[in-house]
Structure formats: C-alpha cells, structure tokens
C-alpha cells in the first residue's frame, strides 16, 4: 500500500503521490526569508505582481534597488513600478467642445469612417485610421485634431 500524501515542512522538498507509481519529487520552493539574495527579491516581486499586489511589489523593488544598487534587474523593476508623476501644464490641452458637439450629431456619411476634427470641421475622413493619420500629418492645421471612429 502506498504512503498517503503529506504536507512538506519548511525546508523540505514537496512530495506528491501519482496514482500507483509512488511519490514523485518536485523542486523545493525558494527560501522566501532570504532578502540578501537579489534573485529571491526578484522572485518575490514577480509573485506580488502576479497576485495583483502592486503596492507590495513596488515597496520590495524600492528596497531591493537601494540594497543592491548595481543590480540592473532590480533597478529596472524599481523604475517600472515607481509611481508616475504627471504634471499637466495649464493651457496646453486644446478645448474639444466644438468637436464633441459635432460628434453628438454627425452627418450620415461619417458613419463607419474615421474622422479627424478641428472645431466643427472634418479635416480628414477615411475608411482606415492609417489614411486619416497620413492626411493630418501632411496638413497644416491650426491645432491638433480630434480623431474618432464613428460606429
């Protein structure tokens, strides 16, 4: 008779029972208490990310980058997970009120098309986004157009 499955103790290799063939060994889990190893820290960061624990991954990446300043992967993890800082500059966002007014009641010919709007004027109309982008890149427009696909 085969031995029943048991839970492995800390530091022991896990065992599984595969039908009648007997126990099969699997790789031991990494020692998650060792923070003096940058590879263990990276594994923990990845684990936090995979479980949706971004705040914990961010904190661990910051500690790892500070503790191992020459480790490129930890530095990259710290940079990628860092909280971004966006500061909008006043007056740089053009008003889109007129464009949205046009979009609320577009002409029948615009449905199914990509349109680029400046104010209430359609400055480019095409079946594909690429065609509209080519047209507006080559045009001398007073401001950046609002590009939208009408369904």
N, C-alpha and C. Protein backbone atom coordinates (compact mmCIF):
# COMPACT_ATOMS: atom_id res chain seq x y z
N UNK A 1 0.85 -1.17 0.00
CA UNK A 1 0.00 0.00 0.00
C UNK A 1 0.89 1.23 0.00
N UNK A 2 0.52 2.27 -0.76
CA UNK A 2 1.36 3.46 -0.84
C UNK A 2 1.10 4.40 0.33
N UNK A 3 2.07 5.26 0.55
CA UNK A 3 2.03 6.21 1.65
C UNK A 3 1.08 7.37 1.31
N UNK A 4 0.24 7.83 2.24
CA UNK A 4 -0.67 8.94 1.93
C UNK A 4 0.11 10.23 1.74
N UNK A 5 -0.44 11.17 0.96
CA UNK A 5 0.26 12.45 0.76
C UNK A 5 0.38 13.20 2.08
N UNK A 6 1.44 13.95 2.23
CA UNK A 6 1.63 14.75 3.43
C UNK A 6 2.11 16.14 3.04
N UNK A 7 1.92 17.09 3.93
CA UNK A 7 2.35 18.47 3.70
C UNK A 7 3.81 18.57 4.10
N UNK A 8 4.61 19.12 3.20
CA UNK A 8 6.04 19.25 3.47
C UNK A 8 6.28 20.33 4.51
N UNK A 9 7.26 20.08 5.37
CA UNK A 9 7.66 21.07 6.35
C UNK A 9 8.60 22.07 5.70
N UNK A 10 8.80 23.21 6.35
CA UNK A 10 9.69 24.25 5.81
C UNK A 10 11.07 23.67 5.55
N UNK A 11 11.62 23.94 4.37
CA UNK A 11 12.95 23.48 4.01
C UNK A 11 12.96 22.09 3.40
N UNK A 12 11.85 21.36 3.44
CA UNK A 12 11.76 20.03 2.88
C UNK A 12 11.27 20.11 1.44
N UNK A 13 11.68 19.18 0.63
CA UNK A 13 11.16 19.10 -0.73
C UNK A 13 9.73 18.59 -0.66
N UNK A 14 8.87 19.15 -1.47
CA UNK A 14 7.48 18.72 -1.50
C UNK A 14 7.39 17.37 -2.20
N UNK A 15 6.49 16.49 -1.76
CA UNK A 15 6.26 15.20 -2.38
C UNK A 15 4.82 15.14 -2.87
N UNK A 16 4.62 14.47 -3.97
CA UNK A 16 3.27 14.23 -4.44
C UNK A 16 3.13 12.75 -4.71
N UNK A 17 1.91 12.26 -4.65
CA UNK A 17 1.66 10.87 -4.95
C UNK A 17 0.96 10.81 -6.29
N UNK A 18 1.55 10.10 -7.25
CA UNK A 18 0.98 9.98 -8.58
C UNK A 18 0.41 8.59 -8.74
N UNK A 19 -0.88 8.44 -8.64
CA UNK A 19 -1.63 7.18 -8.71
C UNK A 19 -0.88 6.05 -8.02
N UNK A 20 -0.57 4.95 -8.70
CA UNK A 20 0.08 3.79 -8.09
C UNK A 20 1.59 3.81 -8.27
N UNK A 21 2.15 4.83 -8.93
CA UNK A 21 3.58 4.84 -9.23
C UNK A 21 4.44 5.25 -8.06
N UNK A 22 3.88 5.76 -7.02
CA UNK A 22 4.68 6.13 -5.88
C UNK A 22 4.98 7.62 -5.85
N UNK A 23 5.72 8.08 -4.81
CA UNK A 23 5.98 9.51 -4.65
C UNK A 23 6.89 10.05 -5.75
N UNK A 24 6.64 11.29 -6.12
CA UNK A 24 7.45 11.98 -7.12
C UNK A 24 7.91 13.29 -6.50
N UNK A 25 9.18 13.58 -6.60
CA UNK A 25 9.71 14.79 -6.01
C UNK A 25 9.55 15.97 -6.96
N UNK A 26 9.26 17.13 -6.37
CA UNK A 26 9.22 18.37 -7.13
C UNK A 26 10.29 19.28 -6.57
N UNK A 27 10.61 20.32 -7.30
CA UNK A 27 11.66 21.23 -6.85
C UNK A 27 11.24 21.93 -5.57
N UNK A 28 12.17 22.11 -4.64
CA UNK A 28 11.82 22.81 -3.41
C UNK A 28 11.54 24.28 -3.69
N UNK A 29 10.64 24.83 -2.91
CA UNK A 29 10.31 26.25 -3.06
C UNK A 29 11.48 27.09 -2.60
N UNK A 30 11.72 28.25 -3.25
CA UNK A 30 12.83 29.09 -2.80
C UNK A 30 12.59 29.61 -1.39
N UNK A 31 13.66 29.81 -0.66
CA UNK A 31 13.58 30.31 0.70
C UNK A 31 13.20 31.79 0.64
N UNK A 32 11.95 32.10 0.95
CA UNK A 32 11.42 33.46 0.81
C UNK A 32 11.85 34.38 1.95
N UNK A 33 12.56 33.84 2.91
CA UNK A 33 13.01 34.68 4.03
C UNK A 33 14.36 35.31 3.76
N UNK A 34 15.05 34.88 2.69
CA UNK A 34 16.39 35.41 2.39
C UNK A 34 16.25 36.68 1.54
N UNK A 35 16.48 37.81 2.15
CA UNK A 35 16.42 39.06 1.40
C UNK A 35 17.82 39.55 1.05
N UNK A 36 18.83 38.70 1.33
CA UNK A 36 20.20 39.09 0.96
C UNK A 36 20.54 38.59 -0.44
N UNK A 37 19.58 37.99 -1.12
CA UNK A 37 19.78 37.46 -2.47
C UNK A 37 18.88 38.24 -3.44
N UNK A 38 19.46 38.99 -4.38
CA UNK A 38 18.63 39.78 -5.30
C UNK A 38 17.70 38.92 -6.15
N UNK A 39 18.09 37.68 -6.45
CA UNK A 39 17.24 36.81 -7.25
C UNK A 39 15.98 36.42 -6.49
N UNK A 40 16.12 36.22 -5.17
CA UNK A 40 14.96 35.91 -4.35
C UNK A 40 14.03 37.12 -4.31
N UNK A 41 14.61 38.32 -4.19
CA UNK A 41 13.80 39.54 -4.20
C UNK A 41 13.03 39.67 -5.52
N UNK A 42 13.70 39.40 -6.64
CA UNK A 42 13.03 39.47 -7.94
C UNK A 42 11.89 38.46 -8.02
N UNK A 43 12.11 37.25 -7.49
CA UNK A 43 11.05 36.24 -7.49
C UNK A 43 9.86 36.70 -6.66
N UNK A 44 10.14 37.31 -5.51
CA UNK A 44 9.06 37.84 -4.67
C UNK A 44 8.31 38.98 -5.36
N UNK A 45 9.04 39.85 -6.03
CA UNK A 45 8.41 40.97 -6.75
C UNK A 45 7.48 40.40 -7.83
N UNK A 46 7.97 39.43 -8.59
CA UNK A 46 7.14 38.81 -9.64
C UNK A 46 5.89 38.14 -9.04
N UNK A 47 6.08 37.49 -7.92
CA UNK A 47 4.95 36.83 -7.25
C UNK A 47 3.91 37.86 -6.82
N UNK A 48 4.35 38.96 -6.22
CA UNK A 48 3.41 40.02 -5.82
C UNK A 48 2.66 40.55 -7.03
N UNK A 49 3.38 40.77 -8.13
CA UNK A 49 2.74 41.29 -9.34
C UNK A 49 1.70 40.30 -9.85
N UNK A 50 2.06 39.03 -9.91
CA UNK A 50 1.13 38.02 -10.43
C UNK A 50 -0.12 37.91 -9.58
N UNK A 51 -0.03 38.27 -8.32
CA UNK A 51 -1.19 38.20 -7.43
C UNK A 51 -1.90 39.54 -7.31
N UNK A 52 -1.44 40.53 -8.09
CA UNK A 52 -2.10 41.83 -8.08
C UNK A 52 -1.72 42.72 -6.91
N UNK A 53 -0.67 42.38 -6.22
CA UNK A 53 -0.23 43.17 -5.06
C UNK A 53 0.87 44.13 -5.51
N UNK A 54 0.47 45.14 -6.26
CA UNK A 54 1.42 46.07 -6.86
C UNK A 54 2.11 46.94 -5.80
N UNK A 55 1.38 47.37 -4.80
CA UNK A 55 1.98 48.22 -3.76
C UNK A 55 3.11 47.47 -3.06
N UNK A 56 2.88 46.20 -2.72
CA UNK A 56 3.92 45.41 -2.07
C UNK A 56 5.10 45.18 -3.01
N UNK A 57 4.81 44.93 -4.29
CA UNK A 57 5.89 44.73 -5.27
C UNK A 57 6.71 46.01 -5.41
N UNK A 58 6.03 47.16 -5.43
CA UNK A 58 6.70 48.45 -5.54
C UNK A 58 7.62 48.69 -4.35
N UNK A 59 7.13 48.40 -3.15
CA UNK A 59 7.94 48.60 -1.93
C UNK A 59 9.16 47.68 -1.93
N UNK A 60 8.96 46.44 -2.31
CA UNK A 60 10.06 45.48 -2.34
C UNK A 60 11.10 45.87 -3.40
N UNK A 61 10.63 46.35 -4.55
CA UNK A 61 11.55 46.79 -5.60
C UNK A 61 12.38 47.99 -5.15
N UNK A 62 11.75 48.91 -4.43
CA UNK A 62 12.48 50.07 -3.92
C UNK A 62 13.55 49.65 -2.92
N UNK A 63 13.18 48.74 -2.01
CA UNK A 63 14.16 48.25 -1.03
C UNK A 63 15.29 47.49 -1.72
N UNK A 64 14.93 46.67 -2.71
CA UNK A 64 15.95 45.90 -3.42
C UNK A 64 16.91 46.78 -4.21
N UNK A 65 16.37 47.81 -4.87
CA UNK A 65 17.22 48.71 -5.64
C UNK A 65 18.16 49.49 -4.72
N UNK A 66 17.67 49.82 -3.54
CA UNK A 66 18.51 50.54 -2.57
C UNK A 66 19.59 49.62 -2.00
N UNK A 67 19.21 48.38 -1.72
CA UNK A 67 20.15 47.44 -1.11
C UNK A 67 21.19 46.92 -2.10
N UNK A 68 20.78 46.76 -3.38
CA UNK A 68 21.68 46.25 -4.42
C UNK A 68 21.73 47.26 -5.57
N UNK A 69 22.41 48.39 -5.38
CA UNK A 69 22.39 49.47 -6.37
C UNK A 69 22.97 49.08 -7.73
N UNK A 70 23.81 48.08 -7.80
CA UNK A 70 24.41 47.68 -9.07
C UNK A 70 23.62 46.61 -9.82
N UNK A 71 22.52 46.15 -9.26
CA UNK A 71 21.74 45.07 -9.88
C UNK A 71 20.76 45.67 -10.89
N UNK A 72 21.01 45.40 -12.17
CA UNK A 72 20.24 46.03 -13.25
C UNK A 72 18.76 45.65 -13.22
N UNK A 73 18.45 44.38 -12.97
CA UNK A 73 17.04 43.96 -12.98
C UNK A 73 16.25 44.57 -11.83
N UNK A 74 16.86 44.68 -10.66
CA UNK A 74 16.17 45.32 -9.54
C UNK A 74 15.98 46.81 -9.80
N UNK A 75 17.00 47.45 -10.38
CA UNK A 75 16.87 48.87 -10.72
C UNK A 75 15.75 49.07 -11.73
N UNK A 76 15.65 48.17 -12.71
CA UNK A 76 14.60 48.27 -13.71
C UNK A 76 13.22 48.04 -13.09
N UNK A 77 13.11 47.05 -12.20
CA UNK A 77 11.84 46.79 -11.52
C UNK A 77 11.42 48.01 -10.70
N UNK A 78 12.38 48.63 -10.03
CA UNK A 78 12.08 49.83 -9.25
C UNK A 78 11.60 50.96 -10.16
N UNK A 79 12.25 51.16 -11.29
CA UNK A 79 11.87 52.23 -12.22
C UNK A 79 10.48 51.97 -12.80
N UNK A 80 10.22 50.73 -13.21
CA UNK A 80 8.94 50.40 -13.84
C UNK A 80 7.79 50.49 -12.84
N UNK A 81 8.01 50.06 -11.62
CA UNK A 81 6.94 50.04 -10.63
C UNK A 81 6.76 51.35 -9.87
N UNK A 82 7.68 52.29 -10.05
CA UNK A 82 7.59 53.57 -9.33
C UNK A 82 6.31 54.31 -9.72
N UNK A 83 5.77 55.04 -8.79
CA UNK A 83 4.58 55.83 -9.05
C UNK A 83 4.95 56.96 -10.00
N UNK A 84 4.21 57.06 -11.08
CA UNK A 84 4.48 58.09 -12.08
C UNK A 84 4.09 59.47 -11.59
N UNK A 85 4.74 60.46 -12.15
CA UNK A 85 4.44 61.84 -11.80
C UNK A 85 4.11 62.59 -13.08
N UNK A 86 2.86 62.95 -13.22
CA UNK A 86 2.42 63.71 -14.39
C UNK A 86 1.95 65.08 -13.92
N UNK A 87 2.49 66.11 -14.51
CA UNK A 87 2.10 67.45 -14.16
C UNK A 87 1.59 68.16 -15.41
N UNK A 88 0.28 68.31 -15.52
CA UNK A 88 -0.24 69.00 -16.70
C UNK A 88 0.14 70.47 -16.68
N UNK A 89 0.47 70.96 -17.86
CA UNK A 89 0.78 72.39 -17.97
C UNK A 89 -0.49 73.14 -18.34
N UNK A 90 -0.78 74.22 -17.65
CA UNK A 90 -2.00 74.97 -17.95
C UNK A 90 -1.99 75.49 -19.39
N UNK A 91 -3.13 75.36 -20.03
CA UNK A 91 -3.26 75.92 -21.37
C UNK A 91 -2.75 75.05 -22.49
N UNK A 92 -2.24 73.85 -22.19
CA UNK A 92 -1.72 73.02 -23.27
C UNK A 92 -2.78 72.11 -23.87
N UNK A 93 -3.83 71.83 -23.14
CA UNK A 93 -4.90 70.99 -23.67
C UNK A 93 -5.89 71.85 -24.44
N UNK A 94 -6.02 71.58 -25.73
CA UNK A 94 -6.98 72.35 -26.50
C UNK A 94 -8.40 71.98 -26.11
N UNK A 95 -9.30 72.92 -26.23
CA UNK A 95 -10.70 72.66 -25.95
C UNK A 95 -11.25 71.76 -27.05
N UNK A 96 -12.05 70.79 -26.66
CA UNK A 96 -12.65 69.89 -27.63
C UNK A 96 -14.17 70.04 -27.65
N UNK A 97 -14.67 71.14 -27.12
CA UNK A 97 -16.12 71.35 -27.04
C UNK A 97 -16.77 71.31 -28.42
N UNK A 98 -16.19 72.00 -29.40
CA UNK A 98 -16.78 72.04 -30.74
C UNK A 98 -16.74 70.67 -31.41
N UNK A 99 -15.62 69.95 -31.23
CA UNK A 99 -15.51 68.62 -31.82
C UNK A 99 -16.57 67.67 -31.22
N UNK A 100 -16.75 67.73 -29.90
CA UNK A 100 -17.75 66.86 -29.27
C UNK A 100 -19.16 67.26 -29.69
N UNK A 101 -19.37 68.52 -29.91
CA UNK A 101 -20.68 68.96 -30.41
C UNK A 101 -20.94 68.34 -31.79
N UNK A 102 -19.94 68.33 -32.67
CA UNK A 102 -20.06 67.72 -33.99
C UNK A 102 -20.33 66.23 -33.86
N UNK A 103 -19.63 65.57 -32.92
CA UNK A 103 -19.78 64.13 -32.74
C UNK A 103 -21.15 63.73 -32.17
N UNK A 104 -21.80 64.64 -31.46
CA UNK A 104 -23.13 64.34 -30.92
C UNK A 104 -24.16 64.14 -32.02
N UNK A 105 -23.96 64.80 -33.14
CA UNK A 105 -24.91 64.71 -34.24
C UNK A 105 -24.15 64.72 -35.57
N UNK A 106 -23.39 63.65 -35.87
CA UNK A 106 -22.59 63.64 -37.09
C UNK A 106 -23.46 63.44 -38.33
N UNK A 107 -22.96 63.87 -39.48
CA UNK A 107 -23.71 63.64 -40.71
C UNK A 107 -23.74 62.15 -41.05
N UNK A 108 -24.71 61.74 -41.81
CA UNK A 108 -24.89 60.32 -42.16
C UNK A 108 -23.68 59.73 -42.86
N UNK A 109 -23.00 60.50 -43.72
CA UNK A 109 -21.85 60.00 -44.48
C UNK A 109 -20.66 59.62 -43.60
N UNK A 110 -20.63 60.09 -42.35
CA UNK A 110 -19.48 59.86 -41.48
C UNK A 110 -19.52 58.51 -40.76
N UNK A 111 -20.67 57.87 -40.72
CA UNK A 111 -20.77 56.60 -40.00
C UNK A 111 -19.94 55.51 -40.69
N UNK A 112 -19.21 54.75 -39.87
CA UNK A 112 -18.34 53.71 -40.39
C UNK A 112 -16.98 54.23 -40.84
N UNK A 113 -16.75 55.51 -40.67
CA UNK A 113 -15.49 56.14 -41.12
C UNK A 113 -14.68 56.63 -39.92
N UNK A 114 -13.39 56.85 -40.19
CA UNK A 114 -12.51 57.54 -39.26
C UNK A 114 -12.55 59.00 -39.66
N UNK A 115 -12.68 59.87 -38.66
CA UNK A 115 -12.71 61.32 -38.95
C UNK A 115 -11.71 62.03 -38.06
N UNK A 116 -11.14 63.10 -38.61
CA UNK A 116 -10.27 63.98 -37.83
C UNK A 116 -10.97 65.33 -37.83
N UNK A 117 -11.22 65.84 -36.63
CA UNK A 117 -11.97 67.08 -36.49
C UNK A 117 -11.12 68.18 -35.90
N UNK A 118 -11.25 69.37 -36.48
CA UNK A 118 -10.71 70.59 -35.89
C UNK A 118 -11.91 71.52 -35.80
N UNK A 119 -12.33 71.76 -34.56
CA UNK A 119 -13.57 72.52 -34.38
C UNK A 119 -14.72 71.71 -34.92
N UNK A 120 -15.58 72.36 -35.70
CA UNK A 120 -16.73 71.66 -36.29
C UNK A 120 -16.44 71.21 -37.72
N UNK A 121 -15.18 71.21 -38.10
CA UNK A 121 -14.80 70.85 -39.46
C UNK A 121 -14.09 69.50 -39.49
N UNK A 122 -14.56 68.62 -40.39
CA UNK A 122 -13.88 67.35 -40.61
C UNK A 122 -12.73 67.61 -41.57
N UNK A 123 -11.49 67.55 -41.06
CA UNK A 123 -10.32 67.86 -41.88
C UNK A 123 -9.77 66.62 -42.58
N UNK A 124 -10.20 65.44 -42.15
CA UNK A 124 -9.81 64.19 -42.82
C UNK A 124 -10.88 63.15 -42.53
N UNK A 125 -11.23 62.39 -43.57
CA UNK A 125 -12.22 61.32 -43.46
C UNK A 125 -11.69 60.15 -44.28
N UNK A 126 -11.69 58.94 -43.70
CA UNK A 126 -11.22 57.77 -44.43
C UNK A 126 -11.76 56.50 -43.80
N UNK A 127 -11.58 55.39 -44.51
CA UNK A 127 -12.02 54.09 -44.00
C UNK A 127 -11.07 53.52 -42.96
N UNK A 128 -9.81 53.95 -42.99
CA UNK A 128 -8.84 53.41 -42.03
C UNK A 128 -8.17 54.54 -41.25
N UNK A 129 -7.72 54.19 -40.06
CA UNK A 129 -7.01 55.14 -39.22
C UNK A 129 -5.71 55.59 -39.89
N UNK A 130 -5.02 54.65 -40.54
CA UNK A 130 -3.75 54.98 -41.20
C UNK A 130 -3.94 56.08 -42.25
N UNK A 131 -5.02 56.00 -43.02
CA UNK A 131 -5.27 57.01 -44.05
C UNK A 131 -5.53 58.38 -43.42
N UNK A 132 -6.30 58.40 -42.35
CA UNK A 132 -6.59 59.68 -41.67
C UNK A 132 -5.30 60.26 -41.10
N UNK A 133 -4.47 59.41 -40.48
CA UNK A 133 -3.22 59.90 -39.89
C UNK A 133 -2.28 60.44 -40.96
N UNK A 134 -2.20 59.78 -42.11
CA UNK A 134 -1.37 60.27 -43.22
C UNK A 134 -1.84 61.64 -43.67
N UNK A 135 -3.15 61.81 -43.77
CA UNK A 135 -3.71 63.09 -44.22
C UNK A 135 -3.40 64.21 -43.23
N UNK A 136 -3.60 63.95 -41.94
CA UNK A 136 -3.39 65.05 -40.98
C UNK A 136 -1.90 65.34 -40.76
N UNK A 137 -1.04 64.34 -40.97
CA UNK A 137 0.41 64.60 -40.85
C UNK A 137 0.88 65.57 -41.93
N UNK A 138 0.30 65.46 -43.10
CA UNK A 138 0.74 66.30 -44.22
C UNK A 138 0.00 67.63 -44.28
N UNK A 139 -1.00 67.81 -43.43
CA UNK A 139 -1.80 69.05 -43.46
C UNK A 139 -1.23 70.07 -42.47
N UNK A 140 -1.40 71.32 -42.79
CA UNK A 140 -1.01 72.42 -41.91
C UNK A 140 -2.26 72.85 -41.15
N UNK A 141 -2.44 72.28 -39.96
CA UNK A 141 -3.65 72.52 -39.19
C UNK A 141 -3.39 73.50 -38.05
N UNK A 142 -4.40 74.30 -37.68
CA UNK A 142 -4.22 75.29 -36.61
C UNK A 142 -4.02 74.67 -35.23
N UNK A 143 -4.53 73.46 -35.03
CA UNK A 143 -4.33 72.74 -33.76
C UNK A 143 -4.44 71.25 -34.04
N UNK A 144 -4.07 70.45 -33.06
CA UNK A 144 -4.15 69.00 -33.22
C UNK A 144 -5.62 68.60 -33.35
N UNK A 145 -5.90 67.74 -34.32
CA UNK A 145 -7.30 67.32 -34.47
C UNK A 145 -7.69 66.22 -33.49
N UNK A 146 -8.97 66.11 -33.27
CA UNK A 146 -9.53 65.02 -32.51
C UNK A 146 -9.85 63.92 -33.52
N UNK A 147 -9.31 62.73 -33.35
CA UNK A 147 -9.51 61.63 -34.28
C UNK A 147 -10.47 60.64 -33.62
N UNK A 148 -11.48 60.22 -34.39
CA UNK A 148 -12.51 59.34 -33.83
C UNK A 148 -13.07 58.43 -34.91
N UNK A 149 -13.46 57.21 -34.52
CA UNK A 149 -14.11 56.28 -35.43
C UNK A 149 -15.59 56.26 -35.10
N UNK A 150 -16.42 56.56 -36.07
CA UNK A 150 -17.86 56.58 -35.86
C UNK A 150 -18.45 55.23 -36.21
N UNK A 151 -19.08 54.61 -35.27
CA UNK A 151 -19.65 53.28 -35.47
C UNK A 151 -21.13 53.40 -35.73
